[in-house]
Each structure stands twice: as C-alpha cells, then as structure tokens.
Amino acid sequence: MLEIPEEWITAKQTFKKIWGYEDLRPSQSEIVKSLLQGQDSLAIMATGGGKSICFQLPAILNEGLTLVISPLLALMEDQVRDLRIRNLPAASLHSNLSQTERREVCKNLPNTRLLYISPETLLSPPVWEKLSDRRLKITGIMLDEAHCLVQWGDSFRPSYRRLGAVRSALMQSKPDSHPQISLAAFTATADRKAIAELQTCLQMQNPKIVRTSLHRPNLSLKVAIAWTPSGRKSRTLKFIRDRQGQSGLIYVRSRRDAETLAAWLQENSFATAAYHAGLSPQERRYIEQQWITNQYPFVICTSAFGLGINKPDTRWVLHFHPPLTLSEYVQEIGRAGRDDKPAEALMLVSEPTGLLDDSDRQRVNFFMQQQQKLQKQAVTLLPKLPRKGNFAEVSKLYADAAIALGLLHRAGNLIWHTPFEYEILDQSLKLFRDQAGDQSAIAQMQTFIYTKGDRWKFLLNTFDFKQ
C-alpha cells in the first residue's frame, strides 16, 4: 500500500474524473500503486485488460514527463488522440511529422506529461539531445507492447536492445536533485523465459510483476484445414457470409496479401479495405473509423492493426494465414469478444503434407531464411567490429552493425554503457544458436495448429498459467 493513503484516494478520483469508471481493476491498481511509488513494474495482462491506463494515470498524477516507447505509429497516434480528447497533455514524435511539427513537440516537452515515441526516434541524436536537457524532468519510461523486444528485437528492430541503458544515461544527464525514473514494461504475452529476458535487457530493478491470465472463456478457438488456395478462399467466403451483421477482422501476414484479399472480397460485393503499415496515417484513420462505425463489417489487416484499438463488440477473428508464433496469435485473437459475449477465432491452415498447398510452409521458410541471412551477415562482420565503440560510428562503417550488436547483446556477450557506447565481452560468439529460439517458437505454433486437445489449455500451459 502507499505510505500516504490520500495519494491513492486522489489517484482513484482522477481516474473516475478522466476515464469515467468507478474503480480500477485489481491488476491495474497494483501497477499504478507501484509506479506512483517509483518502483519498476512488469505487467503481463490479457489483451483488452486496460494496460494503457496503468501508465497513463501515474503519468498524469506525477510531475514531469513520461516516455512511452511504442512499436507502431498507428498505436501512438490512437492513444495520443484519445488522451487529447480527454484534454490531457500528450504528444508523439515520429518520422511522419514535419520538421515544424517536430520542433513544436520538442518545444512543448516541459508541459507534456506523456510522449509517445519509437525506440529508433528516441535514440536519434536530435531527440536524445532534447530529452537529455538538464532542465527537463523525466519521471517514467514505459515500454508498451514489450513482446516486440523479445520476439524480433535483435534482428528487425535492434534499437530495442539498447533501451536498457536509457534510464541510467538520462539520470546522469540530470542534476542530482532529479527524481528516480521508474521503468515499466507491458505486454499481453510473455512466458518465463521472456519475462527474464525483459528484466535483463531493460535492467529492471526488483520489478513488481503482475500477471493476469490470458484465458477468455467466451472466445472459442478453432483451426480448420484449407486443402487448396481456392478452398481457403471459399471457406473464408462462407465464414463471413454466415456472420453478416457481425463485426470482425481478417488477419493476413503481408501487405501484398492484405491488398489482394481485400480486392477479391470487394469484387464479391463486400464493403471492406486492406489495412497495413504502408498506408498513410490519414488512410489508416479512415479505415479504422469505417470499421469502428460498422461501415466496414470487417477489415483485412496485417499485425499492424488492432494494437490500442478497442472495439468490444468484435465477434470474430479469422486468420486467413496462421501467424508465425503463439504470441502473435494471442495478441490478434484478443481483439474479439472484449465485451465478454460469445466470440470466435478461426485459423485456416494448409494441409500437413503441403502437397496440395505449401503456402504456409513457404511463409515460414522465407522468414527463417531471412533470419539466417541476417545472422550470417552478422557473423561475417563480428571480427571487424572494435571491442569498444560508438554505435553511430560503427553503423556508418558497416550497414549490418546494429543487427550484429543486437545479437551479441541478446547472447549476453555485449554491454551498453550508454545507448550509444558499447563494449563487446566475447567476439567468439556462435550466433546461430539464437536461431534455435526462433525455430522453437515456430515449432510451438505448429504443434498448436495440429493439436487435438483443448486449445486454451495448450495456450495456458505455454504461457505458464493454470486454467
């Protein structure tokens, strides 16, 4: 409990005034209290469990700026727009802003409580210089959708591996009177291994760990074999025609797949659209609004859709292609049935032999080949990297330096003294052992697809929960 009960009374009153709810959920209360006390926190909370409130409320109650590190532009914009509707001082910094807009955001940082930012923008020299200003008070660093760090942080978003050095570097840039910066990570999916990796990578200090079960008894999970490409399409048509008037989402794995399937369904007289990260912010907002207001009964989307978007009456999620990992799957099915009414998730998969349709296998193989290519390039580069160096300097010399350094850090063979200065502890690393983790996650997904038992039980066991 808080040392000053009045502080918690104020927190609850503020929550009711801004968000309109009588009280926080028990899991939310634990995280909010922890952050108000300045303690590090790690929240593994089911999709739709109200994770954003857990860091937004303390940020409003505390003086100073809270950094919210987020993986997707669409997610940042949605949350900032929602906060501004509530007249809360929030902003985002990202590459789609004009120079004038970026300067305006940076100018107003002393009056901003929540700044949404990607790892790459956070660690860009101009932005880092602004955040390191001795006069700027920073009280929190929140990592939203933290599973992104564990899943592909070393290869596809290597900036994630440098985040653990951010807090200490910011603290060193401030006066001695600057308060401790609390750090928290939020995700819907993390097993014990992922929890340990998050704590280590982010250099968390005795974090408060809160876990809520991902089990959603109102959501039925089904997997069906689509024997041929045309069979996959006909199965999709029947599924959505049987559910006319219901709101849903169709997930595919690439931008091209989203565009192709959307065009085909439009030809079949369905009002829908393709949603992916390649669209402009204006296009994404339009599609979201069309879906939220039921002008589009469903949207064909990649994993870029849904994070931070809450439509409680979503009745179904159809995976036209299976996700690569169970974490992705749990994140995506979590969009359905948030109103606790019956909902369903159907995944369409190729038949096991791949003789009639090996498209699912091709997608997995392509991903693994990309991983192998990146790792081979990193291994070739290792002997050329100085044992101690500056990230910007080595990145100018070697295009693959960020990935090589990220893989070294993941294996525990590199430390970041600051987000920009590194030291290699062991250059004799066999990086290919990291690939085993990716293979294991993909194999886990394949086991889930072809399991004959209780699918929820399988998921709960995988993520260390009891049913």
Protein backbone atom coordinates (compact mmCIF):
# COMPACT_ATOMS: atom_id res chain seq x y z
CA MET A 1 0.00 0.00 0.00
CA LEU A 2 1.03 3.62 -0.43
CA GLU A 3 2.58 5.36 2.56
CA ILE A 4 0.14 8.26 2.09
CA PRO A 5 -3.42 6.90 1.64
CA GLU A 6 -4.59 10.32 0.43
CA GLU A 7 -2.40 9.88 -2.63
CA TRP A 8 -4.32 6.75 -3.61
CA ILE A 9 -7.65 8.49 -2.99
CA THR A 10 -6.50 11.24 -5.35
CA ALA A 11 -5.49 8.64 -7.93
CA LYS A 12 -8.93 7.00 -7.86
CA GLN A 13 -10.70 10.35 -8.04
CA THR A 14 -8.56 11.38 -11.02
CA PHE A 15 -9.25 8.07 -12.73
CA LYS A 16 -13.01 8.49 -12.31
CA LYS A 17 -12.93 12.12 -13.44
CA ILE A 18 -10.90 11.48 -16.61
CA TRP A 19 -11.95 7.98 -17.67
CA GLY A 20 -15.39 7.77 -16.07
CA TYR A 21 -15.00 4.43 -14.27
CA GLU A 22 -15.74 3.88 -10.60
CA ASP A 23 -12.61 1.90 -9.83
CA LEU A 24 -9.52 0.29 -11.30
CA ARG A 25 -9.26 -3.45 -11.76
CA PRO A 26 -7.13 -5.18 -9.08
CA SER A 27 -4.27 -5.78 -11.55
CA GLN A 28 -4.38 -2.15 -12.69
CA SER A 29 -4.32 -0.95 -9.08
CA GLU A 30 -1.19 -2.97 -8.35
CA ILE A 31 0.72 -1.46 -11.27
CA VAL A 32 -0.49 2.10 -10.66
CA LYS A 33 0.48 1.94 -6.98
CA SER A 34 3.86 0.51 -7.90
CA LEU A 35 4.61 3.28 -10.39
CA LEU A 36 3.38 6.02 -8.05
CA GLN A 37 5.90 4.69 -5.54
CA GLY A 38 8.64 4.85 -8.16
CA GLN A 39 9.05 1.07 -8.38
CA ASP A 40 9.82 -0.74 -11.64
CA SER A 41 6.97 -2.87 -12.94
CA LEU A 42 6.37 -5.67 -15.42
CA ALA A 43 2.75 -6.22 -16.44
CA ILE A 44 1.63 -9.27 -18.39
CA MET A 45 -2.06 -8.53 -18.87
CA ALA A 46 -4.54 -10.06 -21.29
CA THR A 47 -5.44 -8.10 -24.41
CA GLY A 48 -8.20 -5.68 -23.51
CA GLY A 49 -7.12 -5.68 -19.86
CA GLY A 50 -6.54 -1.93 -19.72
CA LYS A 51 -2.75 -1.82 -19.82
CA SER A 52 -2.53 1.76 -21.09
CA ILE A 53 -4.38 3.12 -18.05
CA CYS A 54 -1.64 1.64 -15.86
CA PHE A 55 0.96 4.09 -17.13
CA GLN A 56 -1.28 6.95 -18.28
CA LEU A 57 -2.78 7.56 -14.82
CA PRO A 58 0.58 7.75 -12.95
CA ALA A 59 1.94 10.00 -15.69
CA ILE A 60 -0.94 12.44 -15.17
CA LEU A 61 -0.53 12.35 -11.38
CA ASN A 62 3.24 12.74 -11.39
CA GLU A 63 5.06 15.91 -12.28
CA GLY A 64 7.34 15.74 -15.27
CA LEU A 65 7.43 13.76 -18.50
CA THR A 66 6.74 10.07 -19.03
CA LEU A 67 8.19 8.45 -22.15
CA VAL A 68 6.00 5.78 -23.74
CA ILE A 69 8.08 3.65 -26.11
CA SER A 70 5.77 2.13 -28.68
CA PRO A 71 6.43 -0.02 -31.77
CA LEU A 72 3.77 1.27 -34.14
CA LEU A 73 2.92 4.72 -35.42
CA ALA A 74 -0.78 3.84 -35.60
CA LEU A 75 -0.77 2.80 -31.94
CA MET A 76 0.93 6.04 -30.87
CA GLU A 77 -1.49 8.21 -32.81
CA ASP A 78 -4.57 6.39 -31.49
CA GLN A 79 -3.55 6.73 -27.87
CA VAL A 80 -2.45 10.36 -28.20
CA ARG A 81 -5.71 11.25 -29.93
CA ASP A 82 -7.70 9.58 -27.14
CA LEU A 83 -5.71 11.43 -24.46
CA ARG A 84 -6.14 14.78 -26.17
CA ILE A 85 -9.90 14.22 -26.42
CA ARG A 86 -9.73 13.97 -22.62
CA ASN A 87 -7.75 17.26 -22.53
CA LEU A 88 -4.59 15.55 -21.33
CA PRO A 89 -1.12 16.88 -22.33
CA ALA A 90 0.14 14.11 -24.63
CA ALA A 91 2.16 14.13 -27.83
CA SER A 92 4.02 11.81 -30.17
CA LEU A 93 7.29 12.09 -32.05
CA HIS A 94 7.73 10.10 -35.25
CA SER A 95 9.08 10.26 -38.78
CA ASN A 96 5.76 11.24 -40.37
CA LEU A 97 5.73 14.62 -38.62
CA SER A 98 7.02 17.66 -40.48
CA GLN A 99 10.08 19.50 -39.18
CA THR A 100 7.80 22.26 -37.92
CA GLU A 101 5.61 19.76 -36.04
CA ARG A 102 8.65 18.04 -34.53
CA ARG A 103 10.06 21.36 -33.33
CA GLU A 104 6.70 22.26 -31.78
CA VAL A 105 6.51 18.94 -29.89
CA CYS A 106 10.09 19.35 -28.62
CA LYS A 107 9.42 22.95 -27.59
CA ASN A 108 6.42 21.86 -25.51
CA LEU A 109 8.13 18.94 -23.75
CA PRO A 110 8.24 20.72 -20.34
CA ASN A 111 4.44 20.97 -20.44
CA THR A 112 3.85 17.43 -21.77
CA ARG A 113 3.07 14.50 -19.47
CA LEU A 114 3.08 11.63 -22.00
CA LEU A 115 5.39 11.48 -25.02
CA TYR A 116 4.83 8.51 -27.34
CA ILE A 117 7.93 7.59 -29.28
CA SER A 118 9.52 4.64 -31.10
CA PRO A 119 12.90 3.20 -29.99
CA GLU A 120 14.52 4.48 -33.18
CA THR A 121 13.24 8.05 -32.74
CA LEU A 122 14.11 8.06 -29.03
CA LEU A 123 17.72 7.18 -29.84
CA SER A 124 18.10 9.61 -32.74
CA PRO A 125 20.69 12.29 -31.82
CA PRO A 126 18.42 15.37 -32.14
CA VAL A 127 15.67 13.88 -29.96
CA TRP A 128 18.11 12.42 -27.44
CA GLU A 129 19.72 15.85 -27.06
CA LYS A 130 16.33 17.37 -26.21
CA LEU A 131 15.47 14.64 -23.70
CA SER A 132 18.88 14.90 -22.06
CA ASP A 133 18.41 18.58 -21.29
CA ARG A 134 19.24 19.06 -17.60
CA ARG A 135 16.13 21.18 -17.11
CA LEU A 136 13.69 18.56 -18.44
CA LYS A 137 12.19 16.44 -15.69
CA ILE A 138 11.57 12.83 -16.74
CA THR A 139 9.80 10.58 -14.24
CA GLY A 140 8.96 7.43 -16.18
CA ILE A 141 9.92 5.20 -19.09
CA MET A 142 7.15 2.85 -20.21
CA LEU A 143 7.70 0.12 -22.82
CA ASP A 144 4.36 -0.70 -24.46
CA GLU A 145 3.88 -3.98 -26.40
CA ALA A 146 7.10 -5.23 -24.79
CA HIS A 147 6.88 -8.62 -26.52
CA CYS A 148 8.31 -6.86 -29.59
CA LEU A 149 11.66 -6.64 -27.81
CA VAL A 150 11.75 -10.36 -27.08
CA GLN A 151 10.36 -11.61 -30.38
CA TRP A 152 12.37 -9.81 -33.03
CA GLY A 153 14.21 -7.01 -31.21
CA ASP A 154 17.69 -8.21 -32.16
CA SER A 155 17.08 -8.69 -35.89
CA PHE A 156 14.27 -6.45 -37.15
CA ARG A 157 14.23 -3.68 -34.51
CA PRO A 158 17.75 -3.80 -33.00
CA SER A 159 17.25 -0.43 -31.28
CA TYR A 160 15.20 -2.32 -28.67
CA ARG A 161 18.38 -3.95 -27.39
CA ARG A 162 19.77 -0.52 -26.40
CA LEU A 163 16.82 0.54 -24.25
CA GLY A 164 18.25 -0.89 -21.04
CA ALA A 165 20.88 1.86 -20.97
CA VAL A 166 18.41 4.70 -21.48
CA ARG A 167 17.39 5.26 -17.85
CA SER A 168 20.91 5.47 -16.40
CA ALA A 169 22.05 7.75 -19.23
CA LEU A 170 19.12 10.12 -18.67
CA MET A 171 19.71 10.11 -14.92
CA GLN A 172 23.37 11.00 -15.43
CA SER A 173 22.40 13.93 -17.65
CA LYS A 174 20.18 15.47 -14.96
CA PRO A 175 21.03 17.33 -11.72
CA ASP A 176 21.48 15.35 -8.52
CA SER A 177 18.07 16.53 -7.37
CA HIS A 178 16.33 14.80 -10.29
CA PRO A 179 13.97 12.06 -9.01
CA GLN A 180 14.38 8.38 -9.76
CA ILE A 181 12.96 7.39 -13.14
CA SER A 182 10.59 4.44 -12.86
CA LEU A 183 10.58 1.87 -15.66
CA ALA A 184 7.80 -0.47 -16.68
CA ALA A 185 7.07 -2.93 -19.48
CA PHE A 186 3.62 -4.02 -20.67
CA THR A 187 2.58 -6.95 -22.83
CA ALA A 188 -0.22 -9.47 -23.20
CA THR A 189 2.10 -12.42 -23.76
CA ALA A 190 5.28 -13.46 -22.01
CA ASP A 191 6.40 -16.85 -20.74
CA ARG A 192 9.04 -17.24 -18.01
CA LYS A 193 11.90 -17.01 -20.48
CA ALA A 194 10.50 -13.79 -21.98
CA ILE A 195 9.94 -12.30 -18.52
CA ALA A 196 13.57 -13.00 -17.60
CA GLU A 197 14.82 -11.52 -20.87
CA LEU A 198 12.78 -8.35 -20.41
CA GLN A 199 14.13 -7.84 -16.90
CA THR A 200 17.71 -8.39 -18.02
CA CYS A 201 17.60 -6.36 -21.23
CA LEU A 202 15.81 -3.40 -19.65
CA GLN A 203 17.98 -3.53 -16.49
CA MET A 204 14.90 -3.55 -14.28
CA GLN A 205 15.45 -3.10 -10.57
CA ASN A 206 13.40 -5.55 -8.48
CA PRO A 207 10.26 -5.03 -10.56
CA LYS A 208 6.74 -5.56 -9.37
CA ILE A 209 5.45 -8.38 -11.61
CA VAL A 210 1.72 -8.57 -12.25
CA ARG A 211 0.25 -11.33 -14.41
CA THR A 212 -3.36 -11.86 -15.40
CA SER A 213 -4.50 -14.99 -17.20
CA LEU A 214 -4.91 -14.77 -20.94
CA HIS A 215 -7.85 -17.19 -20.75
CA ARG A 216 -11.01 -15.83 -22.39
CA PRO A 217 -13.76 -18.42 -21.79
CA ASN A 218 -16.18 -16.55 -24.07
CA LEU A 219 -13.79 -16.89 -27.05
CA SER A 220 -13.86 -20.21 -28.90
CA LEU A 221 -10.70 -21.26 -30.73
CA LYS A 222 -10.89 -23.31 -33.93
CA VAL A 223 -8.39 -24.40 -36.58
CA ALA A 224 -9.52 -25.71 -39.96
CA ILE A 225 -7.54 -27.17 -42.85
CA ALA A 226 -7.95 -25.38 -46.17
CA TRP A 227 -6.84 -28.05 -48.62
CA THR A 228 -6.18 -25.75 -51.57
CA PRO A 229 -5.76 -21.98 -52.18
CA SER A 230 -9.25 -21.84 -53.69
CA GLY A 231 -10.56 -23.82 -50.71
CA ARG A 232 -9.10 -21.22 -48.37
CA LYS A 233 -11.00 -18.50 -50.23
CA SER A 234 -14.29 -20.39 -50.35
CA ARG A 235 -14.01 -21.22 -46.64
CA THR A 236 -13.46 -17.52 -45.96
CA LEU A 237 -16.48 -16.52 -48.00
CA LYS A 238 -18.74 -18.98 -46.20
CA PHE A 239 -17.44 -17.90 -42.80
CA ILE A 240 -18.12 -14.19 -43.31
CA ARG A 241 -21.46 -14.73 -45.12
CA ASP A 242 -22.65 -16.84 -42.17
CA ARG A 243 -21.82 -13.91 -39.88
CA GLN A 244 -23.37 -11.00 -41.73
CA GLY A 245 -24.15 -8.13 -39.40
CA GLN A 246 -21.29 -9.09 -37.06
CA SER A 247 -18.05 -7.15 -36.70
CA GLY A 248 -14.81 -9.00 -37.39
CA LEU A 249 -11.19 -8.92 -38.54
CA ILE A 250 -9.31 -10.99 -41.11
CA TYR A 251 -5.57 -11.30 -40.49
CA VAL A 252 -3.01 -11.99 -43.20
CA ARG A 253 0.78 -11.94 -42.97
CA SER A 254 1.88 -9.36 -45.56
CA ARG A 255 0.84 -6.07 -47.12
CA ARG A 256 0.51 -7.69 -50.54
CA ASP A 257 -1.76 -10.43 -49.14
CA ALA A 258 -3.95 -7.76 -47.50
CA GLU A 259 -4.34 -5.82 -50.75
CA THR A 260 -5.00 -8.93 -52.84
CA LEU A 261 -7.60 -10.43 -50.50
CA ALA A 262 -9.36 -7.08 -49.98
CA ALA A 263 -9.65 -6.58 -53.76
CA TRP A 264 -11.10 -10.08 -54.19
CA LEU A 265 -13.66 -9.61 -51.40
CA GLN A 266 -14.66 -6.22 -52.81
CA GLU A 267 -15.29 -7.98 -56.14
CA ASN A 268 -17.58 -10.28 -54.18
CA SER A 269 -19.63 -7.25 -53.04
CA PHE A 270 -18.17 -6.86 -49.54
CA ALA A 271 -17.52 -3.38 -48.15
CA THR A 272 -14.01 -3.72 -46.75
CA ALA A 273 -10.44 -2.48 -47.09
CA ALA A 274 -6.82 -3.55 -46.64
CA TYR A 275 -5.01 -2.15 -43.60
CA HIS A 276 -1.24 -2.28 -43.18
CA ALA A 277 1.74 -0.18 -42.13
CA GLY A 278 2.35 1.00 -45.70
CA LEU A 279 -0.74 3.23 -45.67
CA SER A 280 -0.63 6.91 -44.81
CA PRO A 281 -1.85 7.97 -41.34
CA GLN A 282 -4.93 9.52 -42.96
CA GLU A 283 -5.78 6.28 -44.79
CA ARG A 284 -5.35 4.23 -41.61
CA ARG A 285 -7.57 6.59 -39.59
CA TYR A 286 -10.27 6.45 -42.26
CA ILE A 287 -10.31 2.64 -42.35
CA GLU A 288 -10.34 2.42 -38.56
CA GLN A 289 -13.32 4.77 -38.36
CA GLN A 290 -15.18 2.90 -41.09
CA TRP A 291 -14.69 -0.31 -39.10
CA ILE A 292 -15.47 1.15 -35.69
CA THR A 293 -18.72 2.68 -37.00
CA ASN A 294 -19.61 -0.60 -38.79
CA GLN A 295 -19.42 0.91 -42.28
CA TYR A 296 -16.93 -1.86 -42.88
CA PRO A 297 -18.16 -5.04 -41.16
CA PHE A 298 -14.59 -6.36 -41.29
CA VAL A 299 -11.10 -5.28 -42.36
CA ILE A 300 -8.30 -7.33 -43.94
CA CYS A 301 -5.21 -6.48 -41.95
CA THR A 302 -1.65 -7.30 -41.01
CA SER A 303 -0.39 -7.33 -37.43
CA ALA A 304 -0.18 -3.50 -37.67
CA PHE A 305 -3.92 -3.34 -37.00
CA GLY A 306 -5.61 -3.60 -33.64
CA LEU A 307 -2.92 -2.55 -31.18
CA GLY A 308 -4.53 0.03 -28.91
CA ILE A 309 -7.85 -0.05 -30.80
CA ASN A 310 -10.77 -1.14 -28.65
CA LYS A 311 -13.98 -2.34 -30.32
CA PRO A 312 -15.63 -4.51 -27.65
CA ASP A 313 -18.35 -5.90 -29.94
CA THR A 314 -15.90 -7.57 -32.35
CA ARG A 315 -17.49 -11.00 -32.71
CA TRP A 316 -14.87 -12.88 -34.72
CA VAL A 317 -11.27 -13.01 -35.87
CA LEU A 318 -10.34 -15.06 -38.94
CA HIS A 319 -6.71 -15.91 -39.61
CA PHE A 320 -6.55 -16.33 -43.37
CA HIS A 321 -2.89 -17.30 -42.77
CA PRO A 322 -1.53 -18.67 -39.50
CA PRO A 323 0.76 -16.34 -37.51
CA LEU A 324 4.39 -17.38 -37.05
CA THR A 325 4.23 -17.52 -33.26
CA LEU A 326 1.73 -18.09 -30.48
CA SER A 327 2.44 -14.62 -29.10
CA GLU A 328 1.24 -13.07 -32.35
CA TYR A 329 -1.79 -15.36 -32.34
CA VAL A 330 -2.81 -14.46 -28.79
CA GLN A 331 -2.37 -10.75 -29.50
CA GLU A 332 -4.59 -10.94 -32.58
CA ILE A 333 -7.41 -13.15 -31.31
CA GLY A 334 -7.58 -10.83 -28.31
CA ARG A 335 -9.36 -8.24 -30.46
CA ALA A 336 -12.56 -10.35 -30.33
CA GLY A 337 -15.14 -10.58 -27.58
CA ARG A 338 -13.89 -7.86 -25.28
CA ASP A 339 -17.49 -7.29 -24.17
CA ASP A 340 -17.39 -10.81 -22.64
CA LYS A 341 -20.11 -12.02 -25.01
CA PRO A 342 -19.54 -15.13 -27.17
CA ALA A 343 -16.91 -14.67 -29.88
CA GLU A 344 -14.89 -16.96 -32.11
CA ALA A 345 -11.46 -17.22 -33.65
CA LEU A 346 -10.88 -19.39 -36.71
CA MET A 347 -7.46 -20.11 -38.20
CA LEU A 348 -7.17 -21.54 -41.71
CA VAL A 349 -4.08 -23.68 -42.35
CA SER A 350 -2.60 -25.69 -45.21
CA GLU A 351 -2.86 -29.46 -45.04
CA PRO A 352 0.12 -31.01 -43.18
CA THR A 353 1.94 -32.54 -46.17
CA GLY A 354 1.96 -29.35 -48.22
CA LEU A 355 1.43 -31.34 -51.42
CA LEU A 356 -1.76 -29.53 -52.40
CA ASP A 357 -0.82 -26.15 -50.93
CA ASP A 358 2.54 -25.38 -49.34
CA SER A 359 2.00 -21.60 -49.00
CA ASP A 360 2.04 -21.71 -45.18
CA ARG A 361 5.30 -23.63 -45.22
CA GLN A 362 6.76 -21.19 -47.75
CA ARG A 363 5.98 -18.26 -45.46
CA VAL A 364 7.73 -19.93 -42.53
CA ASN A 365 10.72 -20.90 -44.68
CA PHE A 366 11.02 -17.38 -46.06
CA PHE A 367 11.10 -15.93 -42.56
CA MET A 368 13.73 -18.41 -41.40
CA GLN A 369 15.83 -17.74 -44.50
CA GLN A 370 15.72 -14.03 -43.76
CA GLN A 371 16.83 -14.72 -40.19
CA GLN A 372 19.67 -16.94 -41.38
CA LYS A 373 20.78 -14.30 -43.88
CA LEU A 374 20.89 -11.62 -41.21
CA GLN A 375 22.82 -13.86 -38.84
CA LYS A 376 25.34 -14.90 -41.47
CA GLN A 377 25.99 -11.26 -42.27
CA ALA A 378 26.41 -10.54 -38.57
CA VAL A 379 28.87 -13.41 -38.07
CA THR A 380 30.95 -12.19 -41.02
CA LEU A 381 31.01 -8.69 -39.54
CA LEU A 382 31.98 -9.61 -35.97
CA PRO A 383 35.80 -9.71 -36.43
CA LYS A 384 35.70 -6.22 -37.93
CA LEU A 385 33.91 -4.57 -35.01
CA PRO A 386 36.02 -2.77 -32.38
CA ARG A 387 35.62 -4.26 -28.91
CA LYS A 388 34.67 -0.82 -27.59
CA GLY A 389 32.92 1.61 -29.85
CA ASN A 390 30.31 4.21 -30.64
CA PHE A 391 27.12 2.98 -32.25
CA ALA A 392 26.81 5.84 -34.73
CA GLU A 393 30.40 5.49 -35.90
CA VAL A 394 30.35 1.73 -36.48
CA SER A 395 26.90 1.98 -38.13
CA LYS A 396 28.35 4.41 -40.68
CA LEU A 397 31.14 1.95 -41.46
CA TYR A 398 29.02 -1.23 -41.50
CA ALA A 399 25.38 -1.44 -42.59
CA ASP A 400 24.74 -4.58 -40.52
CA ALA A 401 26.39 -3.34 -37.33
CA ALA A 402 23.11 -2.75 -35.48
CA ILE A 403 21.97 -6.34 -36.00
CA ALA A 404 25.37 -7.80 -35.09
CA LEU A 405 25.46 -5.76 -31.88
CA GLY A 406 21.87 -6.71 -31.09
CA LEU A 407 22.59 -10.42 -31.46
CA LEU A 408 25.70 -10.11 -29.29
CA HIS A 409 23.68 -8.32 -26.62
CA ARG A 410 20.93 -10.94 -26.72
CA ALA A 411 23.50 -13.65 -26.08
CA GLY A 412 24.99 -11.75 -23.13
CA ASN A 413 28.29 -11.04 -24.92
CA LEU A 414 27.91 -7.26 -25.12
CA ILE A 415 27.01 -4.47 -22.73
CA TRP A 416 25.74 -0.99 -23.48
CA HIS A 417 27.44 1.55 -21.18
CA THR A 418 25.11 4.16 -22.67
CA PRO A 419 22.57 3.79 -25.50
CA PHE A 420 25.42 4.83 -27.81
CA GLU A 421 28.61 3.33 -26.32
CA TYR A 422 29.09 -0.43 -26.27
CA GLU A 423 31.68 -2.97 -25.16
CA ILE A 424 31.96 -6.48 -26.61
CA LEU A 425 32.78 -9.06 -23.94
CA ASP A 426 33.26 -12.05 -26.25
CA GLN A 427 33.63 -11.94 -30.02
CA SER A 428 33.83 -15.72 -30.41
CA LEU A 429 30.04 -16.00 -30.27
CA LYS A 430 28.30 -18.61 -32.39
CA LEU A 431 25.28 -16.55 -33.28
CA PHE A 432 23.40 -19.39 -34.90
CA ARG A 433 22.38 -20.75 -31.54
CA ASP A 434 19.99 -17.77 -31.32
CA GLN A 435 18.16 -19.15 -34.30
CA ALA A 436 17.10 -22.10 -32.15
CA GLY A 437 14.85 -19.74 -30.19
CA ASP A 438 13.08 -18.65 -33.37
CA GLN A 439 12.73 -22.25 -34.53
CA SER A 440 11.34 -23.25 -31.15
CA ALA A 441 8.68 -20.50 -31.25
CA ILE A 442 7.66 -21.51 -34.78
CA ALA A 443 7.61 -25.21 -33.86
CA GLN A 444 5.40 -24.36 -30.89
CA MET A 445 2.93 -22.70 -33.24
CA GLN A 446 2.90 -25.76 -35.49
CA THR A 447 2.22 -28.01 -32.50
CA PHE A 448 -0.70 -25.78 -31.50
CA ILE A 449 -2.13 -25.90 -35.04
CA TYR A 450 -2.29 -29.69 -35.14
CA THR A 451 -3.11 -30.40 -31.51
CA LYS A 452 -6.27 -32.42 -30.92
CA GLY A 453 -6.81 -31.33 -27.35
CA ASP A 454 -8.13 -28.28 -25.55
CA ARG A 455 -6.57 -25.28 -27.32
CA TRP A 456 -6.99 -22.90 -24.40
CA LYS A 457 -5.26 -25.42 -22.14
CA PHE A 458 -2.37 -25.58 -24.61
CA LEU A 459 -2.01 -21.77 -24.60
CA LEU A 460 -2.25 -21.51 -20.84
CA ASN A 461 0.41 -24.18 -20.36
CA THR A 462 2.68 -22.49 -22.88
CA PHE A 463 2.46 -19.14 -21.09
CA ASP A 464 2.69 -20.66 -17.60
CA PHE A 465 -0.90 -20.16 -16.48
CA LYS A 466 -3.31 -22.57 -14.84
CA GLN A 467 -6.81 -22.86 -16.28
